[in-house]
N, C-alpha and C. Protein backbone atom coordinates (compact mmCIF):
# COMPACT_ATOMS: atom_id res chain seq x y z
N UNK A 1 4.47 6.66 -20.56
CA UNK A 1 4.37 5.60 -19.57
C UNK A 1 2.95 5.45 -19.09
N UNK A 2 2.45 4.27 -18.95
CA UNK A 2 1.10 3.92 -18.54
C UNK A 2 1.26 3.36 -17.10
N UNK A 3 0.61 4.04 -16.14
CA UNK A 3 0.68 3.59 -14.74
C UNK A 3 -0.71 2.98 -14.36
N UNK A 4 -0.60 1.75 -13.90
CA UNK A 4 -1.82 1.04 -13.44
C UNK A 4 -1.80 1.08 -11.90
N UNK A 5 -2.85 1.64 -11.34
CA UNK A 5 -2.93 1.79 -9.87
C UNK A 5 -3.76 0.70 -9.32
N UNK A 6 -3.27 -0.02 -8.34
CA UNK A 6 -4.01 -1.10 -7.63
C UNK A 6 -4.03 -0.73 -6.14
N UNK A 7 -5.26 -0.77 -5.60
CA UNK A 7 -5.37 -0.47 -4.17
C UNK A 7 -6.48 -1.35 -3.56
N UNK A 8 -6.54 -1.25 -2.22
CA UNK A 8 -7.55 -2.05 -1.48
C UNK A 8 -7.11 -2.09 -0.03
N UNK A 9 -7.99 -2.38 0.89
CA UNK A 9 -7.66 -2.44 2.28
C UNK A 9 -6.71 -3.59 2.57
N UNK A 10 -6.06 -3.51 3.76
CA UNK A 10 -5.08 -4.55 4.15
C UNK A 10 -5.81 -5.90 4.21
N UNK A 11 -5.18 -6.88 3.53
CA UNK A 11 -5.77 -8.23 3.54
C UNK A 11 -6.76 -8.50 2.42
N UNK A 12 -6.92 -7.53 1.51
CA UNK A 12 -7.91 -7.73 0.43
C UNK A 12 -7.38 -8.60 -0.69
N UNK A 13 -6.05 -8.72 -0.78
CA UNK A 13 -5.50 -9.50 -1.86
C UNK A 13 -4.90 -8.60 -2.94
N UNK A 14 -4.75 -7.31 -2.67
CA UNK A 14 -4.28 -6.38 -3.66
C UNK A 14 -2.88 -6.62 -4.09
N UNK A 15 -2.03 -7.08 -3.17
CA UNK A 15 -0.61 -7.36 -3.50
C UNK A 15 -0.57 -8.55 -4.43
N UNK A 16 -1.28 -9.61 -4.17
CA UNK A 16 -1.31 -10.80 -5.02
C UNK A 16 -1.85 -10.40 -6.39
N UNK A 17 -2.95 -9.61 -6.42
CA UNK A 17 -3.52 -9.16 -7.70
C UNK A 17 -2.54 -8.32 -8.51
N UNK A 18 -1.93 -7.35 -7.84
CA UNK A 18 -1.03 -6.45 -8.53
C UNK A 18 0.18 -7.17 -9.10
N UNK A 19 0.79 -8.03 -8.31
CA UNK A 19 1.97 -8.75 -8.74
C UNK A 19 1.63 -9.66 -9.93
N UNK A 20 0.50 -10.35 -9.84
CA UNK A 20 0.11 -11.23 -10.93
C UNK A 20 -0.28 -10.45 -12.23
N UNK A 21 -0.79 -9.27 -12.05
CA UNK A 21 -1.15 -8.43 -13.18
C UNK A 21 0.14 -7.94 -13.88
N UNK A 22 1.12 -7.56 -13.07
CA UNK A 22 2.41 -7.12 -13.61
C UNK A 22 3.09 -8.28 -14.31
N UNK A 23 3.02 -9.43 -13.74
CA UNK A 23 3.61 -10.66 -14.38
C UNK A 23 2.94 -10.91 -15.79
N UNK A 24 1.63 -10.75 -15.79
CA UNK A 24 0.89 -11.05 -17.02
C UNK A 24 1.23 -9.97 -18.08
N UNK A 25 1.41 -8.73 -17.64
CA UNK A 25 1.75 -7.62 -18.52
C UNK A 25 3.29 -7.56 -18.82
N UNK A 26 4.01 -8.40 -18.10
CA UNK A 26 5.48 -8.38 -18.27
C UNK A 26 6.03 -6.96 -18.05
N UNK A 27 5.60 -6.37 -16.92
CA UNK A 27 6.05 -5.00 -16.63
C UNK A 27 6.53 -4.91 -15.20
N UNK A 28 7.00 -3.66 -14.77
CA UNK A 28 7.45 -3.43 -13.48
C UNK A 28 6.27 -3.38 -12.51
N UNK A 29 6.58 -3.89 -11.23
CA UNK A 29 5.60 -3.88 -10.21
C UNK A 29 6.24 -3.14 -9.02
N UNK A 30 5.56 -2.11 -8.45
CA UNK A 30 6.14 -1.37 -7.35
C UNK A 30 5.13 -1.41 -6.20
N UNK A 31 5.57 -1.97 -5.10
CA UNK A 31 4.83 -1.96 -3.81
C UNK A 31 5.24 -0.75 -3.06
N UNK A 32 4.42 0.30 -3.13
CA UNK A 32 4.77 1.58 -2.53
C UNK A 32 4.85 1.48 -0.99
N UNK A 33 4.16 0.54 -0.41
CA UNK A 33 4.22 0.35 1.07
C UNK A 33 5.70 0.11 1.43
N UNK A 34 6.37 -0.71 0.69
CA UNK A 34 7.80 -0.98 1.01
C UNK A 34 8.62 0.22 0.93
N UNK A 35 8.37 1.04 -0.07
CA UNK A 35 9.10 2.30 -0.26
C UNK A 35 8.78 3.26 0.89
N UNK A 36 7.50 3.29 1.30
CA UNK A 36 7.10 4.24 2.32
C UNK A 36 7.71 3.90 3.69
N UNK A 37 8.21 2.69 3.84
CA UNK A 37 8.86 2.31 5.12
C UNK A 37 10.40 2.53 5.07
N UNK A 38 10.93 2.84 3.96
CA UNK A 38 12.37 3.01 3.80
C UNK A 38 12.87 4.17 4.69
N UNK A 39 12.19 5.30 4.79
CA UNK A 39 12.71 6.34 5.64
C UNK A 39 12.88 5.95 7.10
N UNK A 40 12.16 4.96 7.57
CA UNK A 40 12.30 4.44 9.00
C UNK A 40 13.72 3.95 9.26
N UNK A 41 14.51 3.70 8.26
CA UNK A 41 15.85 3.15 8.42
C UNK A 41 16.89 4.26 8.50
N UNK A 42 16.52 5.50 8.12
CA UNK A 42 17.50 6.61 8.09
C UNK A 42 17.65 7.22 9.44
N UNK A 43 18.89 7.32 9.89
CA UNK A 43 19.20 7.86 11.24
C UNK A 43 18.52 9.20 11.51
N UNK A 44 18.57 10.08 10.54
CA UNK A 44 17.95 11.43 10.73
C UNK A 44 16.45 11.35 10.92
N UNK A 45 15.79 10.39 10.22
CA UNK A 45 14.33 10.23 10.38
C UNK A 45 14.03 9.60 11.68
N UNK A 46 14.85 8.53 12.06
CA UNK A 46 14.64 7.93 13.38
C UNK A 46 14.76 8.98 14.48
N UNK A 47 15.73 9.86 14.39
CA UNK A 47 15.90 10.89 15.33
C UNK A 47 14.64 11.84 15.44
N UNK A 48 14.13 12.22 14.32
CA UNK A 48 12.97 13.10 14.34
C UNK A 48 11.73 12.33 14.87
N UNK A 49 11.59 11.10 14.48
CA UNK A 49 10.43 10.31 14.98
C UNK A 49 10.50 10.11 16.47
N UNK A 50 11.71 9.88 17.03
CA UNK A 50 11.90 9.77 18.48
C UNK A 50 11.58 11.08 19.20
N UNK A 51 12.04 12.16 18.59
CA UNK A 51 11.76 13.47 19.21
C UNK A 51 10.22 13.72 19.24
N UNK A 52 9.53 13.28 18.20
CA UNK A 52 8.11 13.49 18.15
C UNK A 52 7.26 12.51 18.97
N UNK A 53 7.63 11.21 18.90
CA UNK A 53 6.82 10.15 19.51
C UNK A 53 7.47 9.51 20.75
N UNK A 54 8.74 9.81 21.03
CA UNK A 54 9.41 9.24 22.17
C UNK A 54 10.26 8.00 21.78
N UNK A 55 11.26 7.69 22.65
CA UNK A 55 12.15 6.53 22.37
C UNK A 55 11.50 5.20 22.52
N UNK A 56 10.22 5.18 23.01
CA UNK A 56 9.47 3.91 23.14
C UNK A 56 9.14 3.25 21.84
N UNK A 57 9.38 4.00 20.76
CA UNK A 57 9.06 3.40 19.42
C UNK A 57 10.21 2.56 18.89
N UNK A 58 11.34 2.49 19.63
CA UNK A 58 12.49 1.78 19.19
C UNK A 58 12.49 0.36 19.75
N UNK A 59 13.16 -0.52 19.00
CA UNK A 59 13.39 -1.88 19.47
C UNK A 59 14.71 -1.93 20.21
N UNK A 60 15.12 -3.11 20.65
CA UNK A 60 16.36 -3.26 21.42
C UNK A 60 17.56 -2.81 20.70
N UNK A 61 17.53 -2.88 19.33
CA UNK A 61 18.64 -2.54 18.52
C UNK A 61 18.69 -1.06 18.09
N UNK A 62 17.67 -0.32 18.56
CA UNK A 62 17.67 1.07 18.20
C UNK A 62 16.95 1.39 16.88
N UNK A 63 16.31 0.38 16.33
CA UNK A 63 15.53 0.59 15.06
C UNK A 63 14.08 0.84 15.41
N UNK A 64 13.34 1.36 14.44
CA UNK A 64 11.96 1.64 14.64
C UNK A 64 11.20 0.37 14.70
N UNK A 65 10.44 0.21 15.79
CA UNK A 65 9.55 -0.95 15.97
C UNK A 65 8.16 -0.48 15.38
N UNK A 66 7.81 -0.97 14.20
CA UNK A 66 6.63 -0.49 13.48
C UNK A 66 5.34 -0.74 14.25
N UNK A 67 5.28 -1.81 15.04
CA UNK A 67 4.06 -2.06 15.82
C UNK A 67 3.94 -1.08 16.95
N UNK A 68 5.05 -0.74 17.61
CA UNK A 68 5.02 0.26 18.66
C UNK A 68 4.66 1.64 18.14
N UNK A 69 5.25 1.98 17.01
CA UNK A 69 4.91 3.24 16.30
C UNK A 69 3.46 3.23 15.85
N UNK A 70 3.08 2.10 15.35
CA UNK A 70 1.67 1.92 14.87
C UNK A 70 0.65 2.17 16.06
N UNK A 71 0.94 1.68 17.24
CA UNK A 71 0.06 1.89 18.37
C UNK A 71 -0.15 3.43 18.60
N UNK A 72 0.86 4.19 18.37
CA UNK A 72 0.75 5.64 18.55
C UNK A 72 0.03 6.31 17.41
N UNK A 73 0.48 6.01 16.20
CA UNK A 73 -0.11 6.78 15.07
C UNK A 73 -1.45 6.31 14.63
N UNK A 74 -1.85 5.05 14.89
CA UNK A 74 -3.16 4.54 14.51
C UNK A 74 -4.21 5.00 15.54
N UNK A 75 -3.79 5.53 16.69
CA UNK A 75 -4.73 5.86 17.74
C UNK A 75 -5.29 7.30 17.59
N UNK A 76 -4.52 8.13 16.92
CA UNK A 76 -4.95 9.54 16.71
C UNK A 76 -4.59 10.00 15.28
N UNK A 77 -5.59 10.56 14.59
CA UNK A 77 -5.32 11.08 13.25
C UNK A 77 -4.20 12.11 13.22
N UNK A 78 -4.13 12.92 14.28
CA UNK A 78 -3.10 13.95 14.37
C UNK A 78 -1.75 13.27 14.37
N UNK A 79 -1.58 12.18 15.04
CA UNK A 79 -0.23 11.45 15.06
C UNK A 79 0.06 10.88 13.69
N UNK A 80 -0.94 10.36 13.03
CA UNK A 80 -0.72 9.79 11.67
C UNK A 80 -0.32 10.94 10.72
N UNK A 81 -0.89 12.07 10.85
CA UNK A 81 -0.57 13.22 10.01
C UNK A 81 0.90 13.68 10.25
N UNK A 82 1.31 13.67 11.55
CA UNK A 82 2.73 13.96 11.87
C UNK A 82 3.69 12.98 11.26
N UNK A 83 3.37 11.71 11.30
CA UNK A 83 4.17 10.64 10.73
C UNK A 83 4.36 10.87 9.23
N UNK A 84 3.25 11.19 8.59
CA UNK A 84 3.26 11.41 7.13
C UNK A 84 4.13 12.59 6.79
N UNK A 85 4.00 13.68 7.56
CA UNK A 85 4.85 14.85 7.37
C UNK A 85 6.29 14.54 7.45
N UNK A 86 6.66 13.72 8.41
CA UNK A 86 8.07 13.38 8.65
C UNK A 86 8.64 12.47 7.56
N UNK A 87 7.89 11.52 7.08
CA UNK A 87 8.42 10.51 6.17
C UNK A 87 8.06 10.64 4.72
N UNK A 88 6.99 11.38 4.43
CA UNK A 88 6.49 11.39 3.06
C UNK A 88 7.49 11.89 1.97
N UNK A 89 8.20 13.01 2.33
CA UNK A 89 9.10 13.56 1.33
C UNK A 89 10.13 12.59 0.87
N UNK A 90 10.77 11.89 1.87
CA UNK A 90 11.78 10.91 1.56
C UNK A 90 11.21 9.80 0.66
N UNK A 91 10.04 9.30 1.06
CA UNK A 91 9.45 8.17 0.35
C UNK A 91 9.05 8.60 -1.10
N UNK A 92 8.50 9.80 -1.23
CA UNK A 92 8.17 10.28 -2.57
C UNK A 92 9.40 10.48 -3.41
N UNK A 93 10.47 11.01 -2.85
CA UNK A 93 11.72 11.17 -3.64
C UNK A 93 12.24 9.83 -4.14
N UNK A 94 12.14 8.81 -3.30
CA UNK A 94 12.65 7.45 -3.70
C UNK A 94 11.72 6.92 -4.87
N UNK A 95 10.41 7.03 -4.73
CA UNK A 95 9.49 6.58 -5.72
C UNK A 95 9.65 7.35 -6.97
N UNK A 96 9.80 8.67 -6.93
CA UNK A 96 9.99 9.51 -8.09
C UNK A 96 11.22 9.03 -8.94
N UNK A 97 12.30 8.74 -8.18
CA UNK A 97 13.56 8.25 -8.78
C UNK A 97 13.33 6.93 -9.47
N UNK A 98 12.61 6.02 -8.83
CA UNK A 98 12.31 4.70 -9.47
C UNK A 98 11.49 4.89 -10.70
N UNK A 99 10.49 5.75 -10.66
CA UNK A 99 9.64 5.96 -11.87
C UNK A 99 10.39 6.55 -12.99
N UNK A 100 11.36 7.51 -12.65
CA UNK A 100 12.20 8.15 -13.72
C UNK A 100 13.12 7.16 -14.43
N UNK A 101 13.56 6.18 -13.65
CA UNK A 101 14.55 5.20 -14.21
C UNK A 101 13.84 4.02 -14.84
N UNK A 102 12.51 3.89 -14.70
CA UNK A 102 11.79 2.75 -15.26
C UNK A 102 11.94 2.65 -16.73
N UNK A 103 12.27 1.46 -17.21
CA UNK A 103 12.44 1.21 -18.65
C UNK A 103 11.07 0.84 -19.32
N UNK A 104 10.21 0.28 -18.50
CA UNK A 104 8.98 -0.28 -19.01
C UNK A 104 8.02 0.88 -19.42
N UNK A 105 7.11 0.55 -20.41
CA UNK A 105 6.13 1.49 -20.80
C UNK A 105 4.90 1.36 -19.90
N UNK A 106 4.85 0.26 -19.17
CA UNK A 106 3.76 0.02 -18.24
C UNK A 106 4.32 -0.23 -16.83
N UNK A 107 3.71 0.33 -15.81
CA UNK A 107 4.13 0.06 -14.44
C UNK A 107 2.87 -0.14 -13.60
N UNK A 108 2.91 -1.14 -12.72
CA UNK A 108 1.81 -1.43 -11.81
C UNK A 108 2.28 -0.91 -10.48
N UNK A 109 1.54 0.16 -9.96
CA UNK A 109 1.77 0.68 -8.61
C UNK A 109 0.70 0.11 -7.69
N UNK A 110 1.11 -0.29 -6.45
CA UNK A 110 0.19 -0.88 -5.53
C UNK A 110 0.41 -0.26 -4.17
N UNK A 111 -0.68 0.24 -3.53
CA UNK A 111 -0.54 0.81 -2.22
C UNK A 111 -1.93 1.04 -1.64
N UNK A 112 -2.04 0.81 -0.37
CA UNK A 112 -3.32 0.96 0.32
C UNK A 112 -3.77 2.41 0.31
N UNK A 113 -2.81 3.32 0.35
CA UNK A 113 -3.18 4.76 0.40
C UNK A 113 -2.96 5.45 -0.97
N UNK A 114 -2.90 4.70 -2.03
CA UNK A 114 -2.65 5.26 -3.33
C UNK A 114 -3.64 6.35 -3.70
N UNK A 115 -4.96 6.23 -3.47
CA UNK A 115 -5.86 7.35 -3.86
C UNK A 115 -5.70 8.61 -3.07
N UNK A 116 -4.93 8.58 -1.98
CA UNK A 116 -4.68 9.78 -1.19
C UNK A 116 -3.33 10.38 -1.51
N UNK A 117 -2.63 9.82 -2.54
CA UNK A 117 -1.29 10.29 -2.86
C UNK A 117 -1.27 11.07 -4.18
N UNK A 118 -0.12 11.70 -4.40
CA UNK A 118 -0.04 12.51 -5.65
C UNK A 118 0.06 11.59 -6.86
N UNK A 119 0.25 10.27 -6.66
CA UNK A 119 0.47 9.34 -7.73
C UNK A 119 -0.93 8.89 -8.33
N UNK A 120 -1.96 9.11 -7.60
CA UNK A 120 -3.27 8.67 -8.01
C UNK A 120 -3.65 9.30 -9.33
N UNK A 121 -3.44 10.57 -9.52
CA UNK A 121 -3.78 11.26 -10.69
C UNK A 121 -2.93 10.81 -11.89
N UNK A 122 -1.80 10.24 -11.60
CA UNK A 122 -0.93 9.76 -12.74
C UNK A 122 -1.31 8.34 -13.18
N UNK A 123 -2.28 7.74 -12.53
CA UNK A 123 -2.75 6.35 -12.92
C UNK A 123 -3.75 6.47 -14.08
N UNK A 124 -3.37 5.76 -15.13
CA UNK A 124 -4.35 5.77 -16.26
C UNK A 124 -5.44 4.77 -16.11
N UNK A 125 -5.11 3.74 -15.32
CA UNK A 125 -6.18 2.73 -14.98
C UNK A 125 -6.10 2.47 -13.49
N UNK A 126 -7.31 2.51 -12.81
CA UNK A 126 -7.39 2.41 -11.40
C UNK A 126 -8.21 1.19 -11.02
N UNK A 127 -7.62 0.34 -10.16
CA UNK A 127 -8.26 -0.95 -9.84
C UNK A 127 -8.40 -1.03 -8.32
N UNK A 128 -9.57 -1.39 -7.82
CA UNK A 128 -9.83 -1.65 -6.44
C UNK A 128 -10.06 -3.20 -6.24
N UNK A 129 -9.32 -3.68 -5.21
CA UNK A 129 -9.49 -5.10 -4.83
C UNK A 129 -10.21 -5.12 -3.53
N UNK A 130 -11.39 -5.82 -3.46
CA UNK A 130 -12.18 -5.88 -2.27
C UNK A 130 -12.33 -7.33 -1.84
N UNK A 131 -12.57 -7.47 -0.52
CA UNK A 131 -12.94 -8.85 -0.04
C UNK A 131 -13.83 -8.64 1.16
N UNK A 132 -14.44 -9.78 1.60
CA UNK A 132 -15.28 -9.78 2.79
C UNK A 132 -14.47 -9.34 3.99
N UNK A 133 -15.00 -8.47 4.85
CA UNK A 133 -14.28 -7.91 5.95
C UNK A 133 -13.81 -8.97 6.99
N UNK A 134 -14.70 -9.98 7.16
CA UNK A 134 -14.35 -11.02 8.18
C UNK A 134 -13.15 -11.79 7.66
N UNK A 135 -13.17 -12.17 6.43
CA UNK A 135 -12.01 -12.95 5.87
C UNK A 135 -10.76 -12.10 5.86
N UNK A 136 -10.94 -10.82 5.58
CA UNK A 136 -9.83 -9.92 5.51
C UNK A 136 -9.16 -9.78 6.86
N UNK A 137 -10.00 -9.62 7.88
CA UNK A 137 -9.50 -9.51 9.30
C UNK A 137 -8.73 -10.75 9.66
N UNK A 138 -9.31 -11.92 9.38
CA UNK A 138 -8.64 -13.21 9.76
C UNK A 138 -7.33 -13.32 9.04
N UNK A 139 -7.29 -12.99 7.72
CA UNK A 139 -6.09 -13.06 6.94
C UNK A 139 -4.96 -12.18 7.51
N UNK A 140 -5.28 -10.88 7.84
CA UNK A 140 -4.28 -9.97 8.30
C UNK A 140 -3.76 -10.35 9.72
N UNK A 141 -4.64 -10.77 10.56
CA UNK A 141 -4.21 -11.18 11.91
C UNK A 141 -3.23 -12.36 11.87
N UNK A 142 -3.60 -13.34 10.99
CA UNK A 142 -2.72 -14.50 10.88
C UNK A 142 -1.40 -14.17 10.14
N UNK A 143 -1.53 -13.41 9.06
CA UNK A 143 -0.33 -13.02 8.22
C UNK A 143 0.65 -12.21 9.00
N UNK A 144 0.15 -11.17 9.74
CA UNK A 144 0.97 -10.21 10.39
C UNK A 144 1.28 -10.56 11.88
N UNK A 145 0.64 -11.60 12.32
CA UNK A 145 0.79 -11.97 13.72
C UNK A 145 0.47 -10.92 14.71
N UNK A 146 -0.70 -10.20 14.45
CA UNK A 146 -1.13 -9.09 15.34
C UNK A 146 -2.40 -9.51 16.05
N UNK A 147 -2.73 -8.70 17.08
CA UNK A 147 -3.97 -8.98 17.84
C UNK A 147 -5.15 -8.38 17.13
N UNK A 148 -6.36 -8.76 17.58
CA UNK A 148 -7.59 -8.19 16.99
C UNK A 148 -7.68 -6.70 17.25
N UNK A 149 -7.20 -6.34 18.46
CA UNK A 149 -7.23 -4.91 18.83
C UNK A 149 -6.30 -4.06 17.96
N UNK A 150 -5.12 -4.61 17.70
CA UNK A 150 -4.18 -3.86 16.85
C UNK A 150 -4.73 -3.81 15.45
N UNK A 151 -5.33 -4.88 14.91
CA UNK A 151 -5.90 -4.85 13.63
C UNK A 151 -6.99 -3.75 13.52
N UNK A 152 -7.82 -3.71 14.56
CA UNK A 152 -8.94 -2.73 14.58
C UNK A 152 -8.36 -1.32 14.49
N UNK A 153 -7.31 -1.04 15.35
CA UNK A 153 -6.68 0.28 15.33
C UNK A 153 -6.09 0.62 13.97
N UNK A 154 -5.39 -0.32 13.38
CA UNK A 154 -4.72 -0.16 12.12
C UNK A 154 -5.74 0.06 11.00
N UNK A 155 -6.77 -0.73 11.07
CA UNK A 155 -7.83 -0.66 10.01
C UNK A 155 -8.61 0.58 10.05
N UNK A 156 -8.78 1.16 11.32
CA UNK A 156 -9.56 2.39 11.42
C UNK A 156 -8.83 3.59 10.79
N UNK A 157 -7.48 3.46 10.69
CA UNK A 157 -6.69 4.54 10.07
C UNK A 157 -6.66 4.45 8.53
N UNK A 158 -7.20 3.40 7.96
CA UNK A 158 -7.26 3.18 6.50
C UNK A 158 -8.22 4.20 5.87
N UNK A 159 -8.00 4.46 4.61
CA UNK A 159 -8.89 5.40 3.91
C UNK A 159 -10.05 4.63 3.36
N UNK A 160 -11.20 5.35 3.12
CA UNK A 160 -12.36 4.76 2.50
C UNK A 160 -12.23 5.05 1.03
N UNK A 161 -12.64 4.12 0.22
CA UNK A 161 -12.52 4.25 -1.25
C UNK A 161 -13.84 4.68 -1.85
N UNK A 162 -13.78 5.59 -2.79
CA UNK A 162 -14.95 6.00 -3.55
C UNK A 162 -15.01 5.11 -4.85
N UNK A 163 -15.93 4.15 -4.84
CA UNK A 163 -15.90 3.16 -5.90
C UNK A 163 -16.07 3.77 -7.30
N UNK A 164 -16.72 4.95 -7.39
CA UNK A 164 -16.93 5.53 -8.70
C UNK A 164 -15.58 6.02 -9.35
N UNK A 165 -14.53 6.11 -8.52
CA UNK A 165 -13.21 6.56 -9.01
C UNK A 165 -12.45 5.45 -9.76
N UNK A 166 -12.96 4.22 -9.74
CA UNK A 166 -12.21 3.06 -10.25
C UNK A 166 -12.70 2.61 -11.67
N UNK A 167 -11.77 2.19 -12.42
CA UNK A 167 -12.09 1.60 -13.70
C UNK A 167 -12.52 0.16 -13.58
N UNK A 168 -11.94 -0.57 -12.60
CA UNK A 168 -12.26 -1.92 -12.33
C UNK A 168 -12.28 -2.15 -10.85
N UNK A 169 -13.26 -2.98 -10.39
CA UNK A 169 -13.36 -3.38 -9.03
C UNK A 169 -13.39 -4.88 -9.07
N UNK A 170 -12.41 -5.47 -8.38
CA UNK A 170 -12.36 -6.99 -8.34
C UNK A 170 -12.74 -7.44 -6.92
N UNK A 171 -13.83 -8.22 -6.82
CA UNK A 171 -14.25 -8.75 -5.54
C UNK A 171 -13.49 -10.10 -5.35
N UNK A 172 -12.57 -10.08 -4.39
CA UNK A 172 -11.71 -11.26 -4.16
C UNK A 172 -12.37 -12.23 -3.18
N UNK A 173 -12.86 -13.32 -3.72
CA UNK A 173 -13.40 -14.37 -2.88
C UNK A 173 -12.45 -15.55 -2.67
N UNK A 174 -11.18 -15.30 -2.84
CA UNK A 174 -10.17 -16.33 -2.73
C UNK A 174 -10.28 -17.44 -3.76
N UNK A 175 -10.84 -17.05 -4.91
CA UNK A 175 -11.01 -18.04 -6.01
C UNK A 175 -9.94 -17.67 -7.04
N UNK A 176 -8.95 -18.57 -7.06
CA UNK A 176 -7.82 -18.37 -7.98
C UNK A 176 -8.20 -18.19 -9.42
N UNK A 177 -9.14 -19.00 -9.86
CA UNK A 177 -9.58 -18.97 -11.29
C UNK A 177 -10.22 -17.61 -11.60
N UNK A 178 -11.08 -17.12 -10.67
CA UNK A 178 -11.72 -15.82 -10.89
C UNK A 178 -10.72 -14.68 -10.95
N UNK A 179 -9.68 -14.78 -10.13
CA UNK A 179 -8.64 -13.73 -10.15
C UNK A 179 -7.90 -13.79 -11.45
N UNK A 180 -7.52 -14.97 -11.87
CA UNK A 180 -6.84 -15.14 -13.16
C UNK A 180 -7.63 -14.62 -14.31
N UNK A 181 -8.95 -14.93 -14.34
CA UNK A 181 -9.80 -14.43 -15.39
C UNK A 181 -9.94 -12.91 -15.39
N UNK A 182 -10.08 -12.31 -14.23
CA UNK A 182 -10.09 -10.81 -14.11
C UNK A 182 -8.81 -10.22 -14.62
N UNK A 183 -7.71 -10.78 -14.23
CA UNK A 183 -6.39 -10.29 -14.71
C UNK A 183 -6.26 -10.45 -16.23
N UNK A 184 -6.71 -11.53 -16.75
CA UNK A 184 -6.65 -11.75 -18.19
C UNK A 184 -7.48 -10.70 -18.95
N UNK A 185 -8.68 -10.44 -18.43
CA UNK A 185 -9.54 -9.42 -19.10
C UNK A 185 -8.91 -8.05 -18.99
N UNK A 186 -8.46 -7.67 -17.80
CA UNK A 186 -7.88 -6.35 -17.63
C UNK A 186 -6.58 -6.15 -18.42
N UNK A 187 -5.76 -7.20 -18.35
CA UNK A 187 -4.51 -7.04 -19.09
C UNK A 187 -4.74 -6.95 -20.61
N UNK A 188 -5.70 -7.69 -21.17
CA UNK A 188 -6.06 -7.57 -22.60
C UNK A 188 -6.50 -6.14 -22.91
N UNK A 189 -7.33 -5.56 -22.00
CA UNK A 189 -7.85 -4.20 -22.23
C UNK A 189 -6.72 -3.22 -22.21
N UNK A 190 -5.78 -3.37 -21.29
CA UNK A 190 -4.61 -2.48 -21.18
C UNK A 190 -3.81 -2.57 -22.41
N UNK A 191 -3.55 -3.76 -22.91
CA UNK A 191 -2.74 -3.94 -24.14
C UNK A 191 -3.40 -3.36 -25.38
N UNK A 192 -4.73 -3.37 -25.38
CA UNK A 192 -5.45 -2.78 -26.57
C UNK A 192 -5.36 -1.32 -26.57
N UNK A 193 -5.33 -0.65 -25.46
CA UNK A 193 -5.33 0.84 -25.36
C UNK A 193 -4.01 1.40 -25.83
C-alpha cells in the first residue's frame, strides 16, 4: 500500500488539495482530523475529559463543545498534551482499523498534525500545502465562524513544518488551474512509481 500524506496549516487548502488528489488517483481519502474527533463522542472519554478540564467543556446537551475545550487546550501546551494522551489511542485504533480494511493500493491521508504522528513515517510521498497567512486567517475565521482571538490561540498550537521533509510543496494562491496542474503532475508521478 502506498500512503500519500498531505498536510498544511488550518485554512491552507490542504483538504481541497487532498480530496482532489484522491479523486484524480481514484483512491481512498482519509481526513484524520475527523477521526481524531471521534473519541469526543464516547461517554468514557467525555467523563475523563470533564474530570481533567471541568464540566465547562460541555454544551447544553452534555456533549463536548470543541470551542470551549479549544479555549483550554490551545492556551497551554501542557493541556494540549493531556488532551492528546486522553484521545490519541482511540483515534489511532480507529485509523489503524480503517487502514487494515482499505482495498485500495493508494491512500491519501490528510491531517494538520500528520508530521507529528506515527503515520508520517508510513507516507511514501509527503506533500505540504501552503498559503499566505493573511488569506489563511480570513478563510478560517469565515469558514469556522470564530473570532480573531480564537484563531490566534488555535494557530499558535499548530506545528511548524520542516520543508526539507516534503517531496512536494504546493503554494496555494487560490488559483484553481494551478492546483489542478500540480495535482496532475503529482498524480502522474505517483502512478509512474
